mmCIF file of all heavy atoms, coordinates in Angstrom:
data_MODEL
# 
_entry.id   MODEL 
# 
loop_
_atom_site.group_PDB 
_atom_site.id 
_atom_site.type_symbol 
_atom_site.label_atom_id 
_atom_site.label_alt_id 
_atom_site.label_comp_id 
_atom_site.label_asym_id 
_atom_site.label_entity_id 
_atom_site.label_seq_id 
_atom_site.pdbx_PDB_ins_code 
_atom_site.Cartn_x 
_atom_site.Cartn_y 
_atom_site.Cartn_z 
_atom_site.occupancy 
_atom_site.B_iso_or_equiv 
_atom_site.pdbx_formal_charge 
_atom_site.auth_seq_id 
_atom_site.auth_comp_id 
_atom_site.auth_asym_id 
_atom_site.auth_atom_id 
_atom_site.pdbx_PDB_model_num 
ATOM 1   N N   . VAL A 1 1  ? 0.831  -1.200 0.000   1.00 0.00 ? 1  VAL A N   1 
ATOM 2   C CA  . VAL A 1 1  ? 0.000  0.000  0.000   1.00 0.00 ? 1  VAL A CA  1 
ATOM 3   C C   . VAL A 1 1  ? 0.867  1.252  0.000   1.00 0.00 ? 1  VAL A C   1 
ATOM 4   O O   . VAL A 1 1  ? 0.625  2.207  -0.759  1.00 0.00 ? 1  VAL A O   1 
ATOM 5   C CB  . VAL A 1 1  ? -0.941 0.008  1.226   1.00 0.00 ? 1  VAL A CB  1 
ATOM 6   C CG1 . VAL A 1 1  ? -1.632 1.364  1.352   1.00 0.00 ? 1  VAL A CG1 1 
ATOM 7   C CG2 . VAL A 1 1  ? -1.974 -1.078 1.128   1.00 0.00 ? 1  VAL A CG2 1 
ATOM 8   N N   . HIS A 1 2  ? 1.883  1.272  0.835   1.00 0.00 ? 2  HIS A N   1 
ATOM 9   C CA  . HIS A 1 2  ? 2.754  2.439  0.916   1.00 0.00 ? 2  HIS A CA  1 
ATOM 10  C C   . HIS A 1 2  ? 3.532  2.640  -0.386  1.00 0.00 ? 2  HIS A C   1 
ATOM 11  O O   . HIS A 1 2  ? 3.711  3.778  -0.841  1.00 0.00 ? 2  HIS A O   1 
ATOM 12  C CB  . HIS A 1 2  ? 3.706  2.299  2.102   1.00 0.00 ? 2  HIS A CB  1 
ATOM 13  C CG  . HIS A 1 2  ? 3.034  2.491  3.429   1.00 0.00 ? 2  HIS A CG  1 
ATOM 14  N ND1 . HIS A 1 2  ? 2.237  1.524  4.002   1.00 0.00 ? 2  HIS A ND1 1 
ATOM 15  C CD2 . HIS A 1 2  ? 3.039  3.547  4.293   1.00 0.00 ? 2  HIS A CD2 1 
ATOM 16  C CE1 . HIS A 1 2  ? 1.779  1.972  5.161   1.00 0.00 ? 2  HIS A CE1 1 
ATOM 17  N NE2 . HIS A 1 2  ? 2.256  3.192  5.368   1.00 0.00 ? 2  HIS A NE2 1 
ATOM 18  N N   . LEU A 1 3  ? 3.974  1.560  -0.989  1.00 0.00 ? 3  LEU A N   1 
ATOM 19  C CA  . LEU A 1 3  ? 4.671  1.673  -2.270  1.00 0.00 ? 3  LEU A CA  1 
ATOM 20  C C   . LEU A 1 3  ? 3.746  2.215  -3.353  1.00 0.00 ? 3  LEU A C   1 
ATOM 21  O O   . LEU A 1 3  ? 4.135  3.084  -4.143  1.00 0.00 ? 3  LEU A O   1 
ATOM 22  C CB  . LEU A 1 3  ? 5.229  0.310  -2.689  1.00 0.00 ? 3  LEU A CB  1 
ATOM 23  C CG  . LEU A 1 3  ? 6.393  -0.235 -1.862  1.00 0.00 ? 3  LEU A CG  1 
ATOM 24  C CD1 . LEU A 1 3  ? 6.742  -1.655 -2.308  1.00 0.00 ? 3  LEU A CD1 1 
ATOM 25  C CD2 . LEU A 1 3  ? 7.620  0.670  -1.973  1.00 0.00 ? 3  LEU A CD2 1 
ATOM 26  N N   . GLN A 1 4  ? 2.532  1.701  -3.404  1.00 0.00 ? 4  GLN A N   1 
ATOM 27  C CA  . GLN A 1 4  ? 1.563  2.169  -4.396  1.00 0.00 ? 4  GLN A CA  1 
ATOM 28  C C   . GLN A 1 4  ? 1.305  3.661  -4.253  1.00 0.00 ? 4  GLN A C   1 
ATOM 29  O O   . GLN A 1 4  ? 1.340  4.417  -5.239  1.00 0.00 ? 4  GLN A O   1 
ATOM 30  C CB  . GLN A 1 4  ? 0.243  1.416  -4.246  1.00 0.00 ? 4  GLN A CB  1 
ATOM 31  C CG  . GLN A 1 4  ? 0.258  -0.033 -4.653  1.00 0.00 ? 4  GLN A CG  1 
ATOM 32  C CD  . GLN A 1 4  ? -1.026 -0.734 -4.250  1.00 0.00 ? 4  GLN A CD  1 
ATOM 33  O OE1 . GLN A 1 4  ? -2.014 -0.097 -3.884  1.00 0.00 ? 4  GLN A OE1 1 
ATOM 34  N NE2 . GLN A 1 4  ? -1.025 -2.050 -4.297  1.00 0.00 ? 4  GLN A NE2 1 
ATOM 35  N N   . LYS A 1 5  ? 1.039  4.089  -3.010  1.00 0.00 ? 5  LYS A N   1 
ATOM 36  C CA  . LYS A 1 5  ? 0.669  5.488  -2.807  1.00 0.00 ? 5  LYS A CA  1 
ATOM 37  C C   . LYS A 1 5  ? 1.818  6.430  -3.162  1.00 0.00 ? 5  LYS A C   1 
ATOM 38  O O   . LYS A 1 5  ? 1.596  7.496  -3.753  1.00 0.00 ? 5  LYS A O   1 
ATOM 39  C CB  . LYS A 1 5  ? 0.231  5.717  -1.352  1.00 0.00 ? 5  LYS A CB  1 
ATOM 40  C CG  . LYS A 1 5  ? -1.097 5.089  -1.002  1.00 0.00 ? 5  LYS A CG  1 
ATOM 41  C CD  . LYS A 1 5  ? -2.267 5.661  -1.802  1.00 0.00 ? 5  LYS A CD  1 
ATOM 42  C CE  . LYS A 1 5  ? -2.661 7.048  -1.379  1.00 0.00 ? 5  LYS A CE  1 
ATOM 43  N NZ  . LYS A 1 5  ? -3.898 7.531  -2.066  1.00 0.00 ? 5  LYS A NZ  1 
ATOM 44  N N   . TYR A 1 6  ? 3.045  6.052  -2.820  1.00 0.00 ? 6  TYR A N   1 
ATOM 45  C CA  . TYR A 1 6  ? 4.143  6.954  -3.164  1.00 0.00 ? 6  TYR A CA  1 
ATOM 46  C C   . TYR A 1 6  ? 4.377  6.963  -4.671  1.00 0.00 ? 6  TYR A C   1 
ATOM 47  O O   . TYR A 1 6  ? 4.590  8.030  -5.266  1.00 0.00 ? 6  TYR A O   1 
ATOM 48  C CB  . TYR A 1 6  ? 5.444  6.595  -2.447  1.00 0.00 ? 6  TYR A CB  1 
ATOM 49  C CG  . TYR A 1 6  ? 6.454  7.704  -2.654  1.00 0.00 ? 6  TYR A CG  1 
ATOM 50  C CD1 . TYR A 1 6  ? 6.357  8.872  -1.911  1.00 0.00 ? 6  TYR A CD1 1 
ATOM 51  C CD2 . TYR A 1 6  ? 7.430  7.627  -3.640  1.00 0.00 ? 6  TYR A CD2 1 
ATOM 52  C CE1 . TYR A 1 6  ? 7.228  9.941  -2.136  1.00 0.00 ? 6  TYR A CE1 1 
ATOM 53  C CE2 . TYR A 1 6  ? 8.298  8.686  -3.876  1.00 0.00 ? 6  TYR A CE2 1 
ATOM 54  C CZ  . TYR A 1 6  ? 8.190  9.840  -3.117  1.00 0.00 ? 6  TYR A CZ  1 
ATOM 55  O OH  . TYR A 1 6  ? 9.031  10.907 -3.357  1.00 0.00 ? 6  TYR A OH  1 
ATOM 56  N N   . PHE A 1 7  ? 4.337  5.797  -5.286  1.00 0.00 ? 7  PHE A N   1 
ATOM 57  C CA  . PHE A 1 7  ? 4.555  5.737  -6.733  1.00 0.00 ? 7  PHE A CA  1 
ATOM 58  C C   . PHE A 1 7  ? 3.523  6.593  -7.466  1.00 0.00 ? 7  PHE A C   1 
ATOM 59  O O   . PHE A 1 7  ? 3.878  7.375  -8.359  1.00 0.00 ? 7  PHE A O   1 
ATOM 60  C CB  . PHE A 1 7  ? 4.468  4.287  -7.217  1.00 0.00 ? 7  PHE A CB  1 
ATOM 61  C CG  . PHE A 1 7  ? 4.624  4.140  -8.706  1.00 0.00 ? 7  PHE A CG  1 
ATOM 62  C CD1 . PHE A 1 7  ? 5.870  4.170  -9.292  1.00 0.00 ? 7  PHE A CD1 1 
ATOM 63  C CD2 . PHE A 1 7  ? 3.508  3.985  -9.518  1.00 0.00 ? 7  PHE A CD2 1 
ATOM 64  C CE1 . PHE A 1 7  ? 6.021  4.043  -10.672 1.00 0.00 ? 7  PHE A CE1 1 
ATOM 65  C CE2 . PHE A 1 7  ? 3.645  3.856  -10.895 1.00 0.00 ? 7  PHE A CE2 1 
ATOM 66  C CZ  . PHE A 1 7  ? 4.907  3.885  -11.472 1.00 0.00 ? 7  PHE A CZ  1 
ATOM 67  N N   . LEU A 1 8  ? 2.260  6.460  -7.109  1.00 0.00 ? 8  LEU A N   1 
ATOM 68  C CA  . LEU A 1 8  ? 1.209  7.228  -7.770  1.00 0.00 ? 8  LEU A CA  1 
ATOM 69  C C   . LEU A 1 8  ? 1.404  8.723  -7.536  1.00 0.00 ? 8  LEU A C   1 
ATOM 70  O O   . LEU A 1 8  ? 1.316  9.529  -8.473  1.00 0.00 ? 8  LEU A O   1 
ATOM 71  C CB  . LEU A 1 8  ? -0.163 6.788  -7.260  1.00 0.00 ? 8  LEU A CB  1 
ATOM 72  C CG  . LEU A 1 8  ? -0.602 5.377  -7.663  1.00 0.00 ? 8  LEU A CG  1 
ATOM 73  C CD1 . LEU A 1 8  ? -1.829 4.957  -6.864  1.00 0.00 ? 8  LEU A CD1 1 
ATOM 74  C CD2 . LEU A 1 8  ? -0.902 5.311  -9.161  1.00 0.00 ? 8  LEU A CD2 1 
ATOM 75  N N   . ALA A 1 9  ? 1.685  9.104  -6.296  1.00 0.00 ? 9  ALA A N   1 
ATOM 76  C CA  . ALA A 1 9  ? 1.888  10.520 -5.999  1.00 0.00 ? 9  ALA A CA  1 
ATOM 77  C C   . ALA A 1 9  ? 3.055  11.094 -6.795  1.00 0.00 ? 9  ALA A C   1 
ATOM 78  O O   . ALA A 1 9  ? 2.973  12.195 -7.346  1.00 0.00 ? 9  ALA A O   1 
ATOM 79  C CB  . ALA A 1 9  ? 2.129  10.710 -4.503  1.00 0.00 ? 9  ALA A CB  1 
ATOM 80  N N   . ALA A 1 10 ? 4.147  10.339 -6.869  1.00 0.00 ? 10 ALA A N   1 
ATOM 81  C CA  . ALA A 1 10 ? 5.387  10.844 -7.459  1.00 0.00 ? 10 ALA A CA  1 
ATOM 82  C C   . ALA A 1 10 ? 5.380  10.835 -8.976  1.00 0.00 ? 10 ALA A C   1 
ATOM 83  O O   . ALA A 1 10 ? 6.208  11.521 -9.595  1.00 0.00 ? 10 ALA A O   1 
ATOM 84  C CB  . ALA A 1 10 ? 6.572  10.024 -6.950  1.00 0.00 ? 10 ALA A CB  1 
ATOM 85  N N   . THR A 1 11 ? 4.484  10.079 -9.581  1.00 0.00 ? 11 THR A N   1 
ATOM 86  C CA  . THR A 1 11 ? 4.464  10.019 -11.048 1.00 0.00 ? 11 THR A CA  1 
ATOM 87  C C   . THR A 1 11 ? 3.229  10.678 -11.647 1.00 0.00 ? 11 THR A C   1 
ATOM 88  O O   . THR A 1 11 ? 3.257  11.082 -12.814 1.00 0.00 ? 11 THR A O   1 
ATOM 89  C CB  . THR A 1 11 ? 4.556  8.561  -11.540 1.00 0.00 ? 11 THR A CB  1 
ATOM 90  O OG1 . THR A 1 11 ? 3.494  7.787  -10.963 1.00 0.00 ? 11 THR A OG1 1 
ATOM 91  C CG2 . THR A 1 11 ? 5.890  7.950  -11.179 1.00 0.00 ? 11 THR A CG2 1 
ATOM 92  N N   . LEU A 1 12 ? 2.162  10.832 -10.879 1.00 0.00 ? 12 LEU A N   1 
ATOM 93  C CA  . LEU A 1 12 ? 1.007  11.582 -11.367 1.00 0.00 ? 12 LEU A CA  1 
ATOM 94  C C   . LEU A 1 12 ? 1.258  13.084 -11.259 1.00 0.00 ? 12 LEU A C   1 
ATOM 95  O O   . LEU A 1 12 ? 0.882  13.853 -12.146 1.00 0.00 ? 12 LEU A O   1 
ATOM 96  C CB  . LEU A 1 12 ? -0.247 11.216 -10.573 1.00 0.00 ? 12 LEU A CB  1 
ATOM 97  C CG  . LEU A 1 12 ? -0.858 9.844  -10.857 1.00 0.00 ? 12 LEU A CG  1 
ATOM 98  C CD1 . LEU A 1 12 ? -1.932 9.500  -9.832  1.00 0.00 ? 12 LEU A CD1 1 
ATOM 99  C CD2 . LEU A 1 12 ? -1.448 9.780  -12.264 1.00 0.00 ? 12 LEU A CD2 1 
ATOM 100 N N   . SER A 1 13 ? 1.888  13.512 -10.177 1.00 0.00 ? 13 SER A N   1 
ATOM 101 C CA  . SER A 1 13 ? 2.157  14.931 -9.946  1.00 0.00 ? 13 SER A CA  1 
ATOM 102 C C   . SER A 1 13 ? 3.653  15.199 -10.020 1.00 0.00 ? 13 SER A C   1 
ATOM 103 O O   . SER A 1 13 ? 4.462  14.361 -9.630  1.00 0.00 ? 13 SER A O   1 
ATOM 104 C CB  . SER A 1 13 ? 1.625  15.344 -8.572  1.00 0.00 ? 13 SER A CB  1 
ATOM 105 O OG  . SER A 1 13 ? 2.014  16.664 -8.249  1.00 0.00 ? 13 SER A OG  1 
ATOM 106 N N   . SER A 1 14 ? 4.006  16.393 -10.486 1.00 0.00 ? 14 SER A N   1 
ATOM 107 C CA  . SER A 1 14 ? 5.431  16.739 -10.544 1.00 0.00 ? 14 SER A CA  1 
ATOM 108 C C   . SER A 1 14 ? 5.955  17.192 -9.187  1.00 0.00 ? 14 SER A C   1 
ATOM 109 O O   . SER A 1 14 ? 7.170  17.253 -8.991  1.00 0.00 ? 14 SER A O   1 
ATOM 110 C CB  . SER A 1 14 ? 5.672  17.830 -11.589 1.00 0.00 ? 14 SER A CB  1 
ATOM 111 O OG  . SER A 1 14 ? 4.860  18.954 -11.350 1.00 0.00 ? 14 SER A OG  1 
ATOM 112 N N   . SER A 1 15 ? 5.060  17.512 -8.255  1.00 0.00 ? 15 SER A N   1 
ATOM 113 C CA  . SER A 1 15 ? 5.479  17.815 -6.883  1.00 0.00 ? 15 SER A CA  1 
ATOM 114 C C   . SER A 1 15 ? 4.837  16.814 -5.937  1.00 0.00 ? 15 SER A C   1 
ATOM 115 O O   . SER A 1 15 ? 3.647  16.485 -6.072  1.00 0.00 ? 15 SER A O   1 
ATOM 116 C CB  . SER A 1 15 ? 5.081  19.241 -6.486  1.00 0.00 ? 15 SER A CB  1 
ATOM 117 O OG  . SER A 1 15 ? 5.898  20.184 -7.142  1.00 0.00 ? 15 SER A OG  1 
ATOM 118 N N   . VAL A 1 16 ? 5.641  16.315 -4.997  1.00 0.00 ? 16 VAL A N   1 
ATOM 119 C CA  . VAL A 1 16 ? 5.197  15.249 -4.107  1.00 0.00 ? 16 VAL A CA  1 
ATOM 120 C C   . VAL A 1 16 ? 5.841  15.470 -2.748  1.00 0.00 ? 16 VAL A C   1 
ATOM 121 O O   . VAL A 1 16 ? 6.917  16.074 -2.648  1.00 0.00 ? 16 VAL A O   1 
ATOM 122 C CB  . VAL A 1 16 ? 5.583  13.862 -4.681  1.00 0.00 ? 16 VAL A CB  1 
ATOM 123 C CG1 . VAL A 1 16 ? 7.096  13.729 -4.824  1.00 0.00 ? 16 VAL A CG1 1 
ATOM 124 C CG2 . VAL A 1 16 ? 5.034  12.723 -3.832  1.00 0.00 ? 16 VAL A CG2 1 
ATOM 125 N N   . GLY A 1 17 ? 5.171  14.990 -1.697  1.00 0.00 ? 17 GLY A N   1 
ATOM 126 C CA  . GLY A 1 17 ? 5.762  15.097 -0.375  1.00 0.00 ? 17 GLY A CA  1 
ATOM 127 C C   . GLY A 1 17 ? 5.258  14.006 0.548   1.00 0.00 ? 17 GLY A C   1 
ATOM 128 O O   . GLY A 1 17 ? 4.176  13.444 0.334   1.00 0.00 ? 17 GLY A O   1 
ATOM 129 N N   . ILE A 1 18 ? 6.065  13.679 1.564   1.00 0.00 ? 18 ILE A N   1 
ATOM 130 C CA  . ILE A 1 18 ? 5.644  12.740 2.591   1.00 0.00 ? 18 ILE A CA  1 
ATOM 131 C C   . ILE A 1 18 ? 6.058  13.267 3.952   1.00 0.00 ? 18 ILE A C   1 
ATOM 132 O O   . ILE A 1 18 ? 7.038  14.009 4.088   1.00 0.00 ? 18 ILE A O   1 
ATOM 133 C CB  . ILE A 1 18 ? 6.226  11.316 2.402   1.00 0.00 ? 18 ILE A CB  1 
ATOM 134 C CG1 . ILE A 1 18 ? 7.762  11.341 2.373   1.00 0.00 ? 18 ILE A CG1 1 
ATOM 135 C CG2 . ILE A 1 18 ? 5.647  10.635 1.184   1.00 0.00 ? 18 ILE A CG2 1 
ATOM 136 C CD1 . ILE A 1 18 ? 8.395  9.949  2.415   1.00 0.00 ? 18 ILE A CD1 1 
ATOM 137 N N   . TYR A 1 19 ? 5.298  12.868 4.954   1.00 0.00 ? 19 TYR A N   1 
ATOM 138 C CA  . TYR A 1 19 ? 5.666  13.088 6.344   1.00 0.00 ? 19 TYR A CA  1 
ATOM 139 C C   . TYR A 1 19 ? 6.355  11.819 6.814   1.00 0.00 ? 19 TYR A C   1 
ATOM 140 O O   . TYR A 1 19 ? 5.785  10.750 6.856   1.00 0.00 ? 19 TYR A O   1 
ATOM 141 C CB  . TYR A 1 19 ? 4.406  13.397 7.158   1.00 0.00 ? 19 TYR A CB  1 
ATOM 142 C CG  . TYR A 1 19 ? 4.502  13.116 8.640   1.00 0.00 ? 19 TYR A CG  1 
ATOM 143 C CD1 . TYR A 1 19 ? 5.587  13.571 9.404   1.00 0.00 ? 19 TYR A CD1 1 
ATOM 144 C CD2 . TYR A 1 19 ? 3.493  12.405 9.279   1.00 0.00 ? 19 TYR A CD2 1 
ATOM 145 C CE1 . TYR A 1 19 ? 5.652  13.314 10.763  1.00 0.00 ? 19 TYR A CE1 1 
ATOM 146 C CE2 . TYR A 1 19 ? 3.547  12.146 10.644  1.00 0.00 ? 19 TYR A CE2 1 
ATOM 147 C CZ  . TYR A 1 19 ? 4.619  12.592 11.378  1.00 0.00 ? 19 TYR A CZ  1 
ATOM 148 O OH  . TYR A 1 19 ? 4.681  12.328 12.723  1.00 0.00 ? 19 TYR A OH  1 
ATOM 149 N N   . GLY A 1 20 ? 7.647  11.960 7.140   1.00 0.00 ? 20 GLY A N   1 
ATOM 150 C CA  . GLY A 1 20 ? 8.421  10.812 7.549   1.00 0.00 ? 20 GLY A CA  1 
ATOM 151 C C   . GLY A 1 20 ? 9.097  11.050 8.898   1.00 0.00 ? 20 GLY A C   1 
ATOM 152 O O   . GLY A 1 20 ? 9.055  12.163 9.431   1.00 0.00 ? 20 GLY A O   1 
ATOM 153 N N   . PRO A 1 21 ? 9.740  10.029 9.441   1.00 0.00 ? 21 PRO A N   1 
ATOM 154 C CA  . PRO A 1 21 ? 9.840  8.685  8.869   1.00 0.00 ? 21 PRO A CA  1 
ATOM 155 C C   . PRO A 1 21 ? 8.588  7.839  9.060   1.00 0.00 ? 21 PRO A C   1 
ATOM 156 O O   . PRO A 1 21 ? 8.598  6.645  8.796   1.00 0.00 ? 21 PRO A O   1 
ATOM 157 C CB  . PRO A 1 21 ? 11.031 8.083  9.630   1.00 0.00 ? 21 PRO A CB  1 
ATOM 158 C CG  . PRO A 1 21 ? 10.937 8.720  10.985  1.00 0.00 ? 21 PRO A CG  1 
ATOM 159 C CD  . PRO A 1 21 ? 10.467 10.128 10.729  1.00 0.00 ? 21 PRO A CD  1 
ATOM 160 N N   . VAL A 1 22 ? 7.504  8.495  9.501   1.00 0.00 ? 22 VAL A N   1 
ATOM 161 C CA  . VAL A 1 22 ? 6.249  7.780  9.718   1.00 0.00 ? 22 VAL A CA  1 
ATOM 162 C C   . VAL A 1 22 ? 5.829  7.012  8.466   1.00 0.00 ? 22 VAL A C   1 
ATOM 163 O O   . VAL A 1 22 ? 5.429  5.844  8.543   1.00 0.00 ? 22 VAL A O   1 
ATOM 164 C CB  . VAL A 1 22 ? 5.144  8.779  10.141  1.00 0.00 ? 22 VAL A CB  1 
ATOM 165 C CG1 . VAL A 1 22 ? 3.772  8.146  10.063  1.00 0.00 ? 22 VAL A CG1 1 
ATOM 166 C CG2 . VAL A 1 22 ? 5.417  9.285  11.548  1.00 0.00 ? 22 VAL A CG2 1 
ATOM 167 N N   . PHE A 1 23 ? 5.924  7.677  7.292   1.00 0.00 ? 23 PHE A N   1 
ATOM 168 C CA  . PHE A 1 23 ? 5.460  7.028  6.070   1.00 0.00 ? 23 PHE A CA  1 
ATOM 169 C C   . PHE A 1 23 ? 6.309  5.812  5.723   1.00 0.00 ? 23 PHE A C   1 
ATOM 170 O O   . PHE A 1 23 ? 5.791  4.699  5.558   1.00 0.00 ? 23 PHE A O   1 
ATOM 171 C CB  . PHE A 1 23 ? 5.456  8.014  4.901   1.00 0.00 ? 23 PHE A CB  1 
ATOM 172 C CG  . PHE A 1 23 ? 4.931  7.408  3.622   1.00 0.00 ? 23 PHE A CG  1 
ATOM 173 C CD1 . PHE A 1 23 ? 3.577  7.382  3.366   1.00 0.00 ? 23 PHE A CD1 1 
ATOM 174 C CD2 . PHE A 1 23 ? 5.794  6.846  2.685   1.00 0.00 ? 23 PHE A CD2 1 
ATOM 175 C CE1 . PHE A 1 23 ? 3.086  6.799  2.200   1.00 0.00 ? 23 PHE A CE1 1 
ATOM 176 C CE2 . PHE A 1 23 ? 5.314  6.270  1.521   1.00 0.00 ? 23 PHE A CE2 1 
ATOM 177 C CZ  . PHE A 1 23 ? 3.958  6.248  1.274   1.00 0.00 ? 23 PHE A CZ  1 
ATOM 178 N N   . GLU A 1 24 ? 7.616  5.998  5.606   1.00 0.00 ? 24 GLU A N   1 
ATOM 179 C CA  . GLU A 1 24 ? 8.452  4.893  5.124   1.00 0.00 ? 24 GLU A CA  1 
ATOM 180 C C   . GLU A 1 24 ? 8.606  3.786  6.163   1.00 0.00 ? 24 GLU A C   1 
ATOM 181 O O   . GLU A 1 24 ? 8.948  2.655  5.808   1.00 0.00 ? 24 GLU A O   1 
ATOM 182 C CB  . GLU A 1 24 ? 9.820  5.409  4.653   1.00 0.00 ? 24 GLU A CB  1 
ATOM 183 C CG  . GLU A 1 24 ? 10.693 6.033  5.720   1.00 0.00 ? 24 GLU A CG  1 
ATOM 184 C CD  . GLU A 1 24 ? 10.548 7.537  5.791   1.00 0.00 ? 24 GLU A CD  1 
ATOM 185 O OE1 . GLU A 1 24 ? 9.441  8.042  5.506   1.00 0.00 ? 24 GLU A OE1 1 
ATOM 186 O OE2 . GLU A 1 24 ? 11.547 8.206  6.134   1.00 0.00 ? 24 GLU A OE2 1 
# 
């Protein structure tokens, strides 16, 4: 799930962000 969400965010939009290290 986490891999899917980051991949989609990072390739659908040219700007992306995460709150970490909670996310990873």
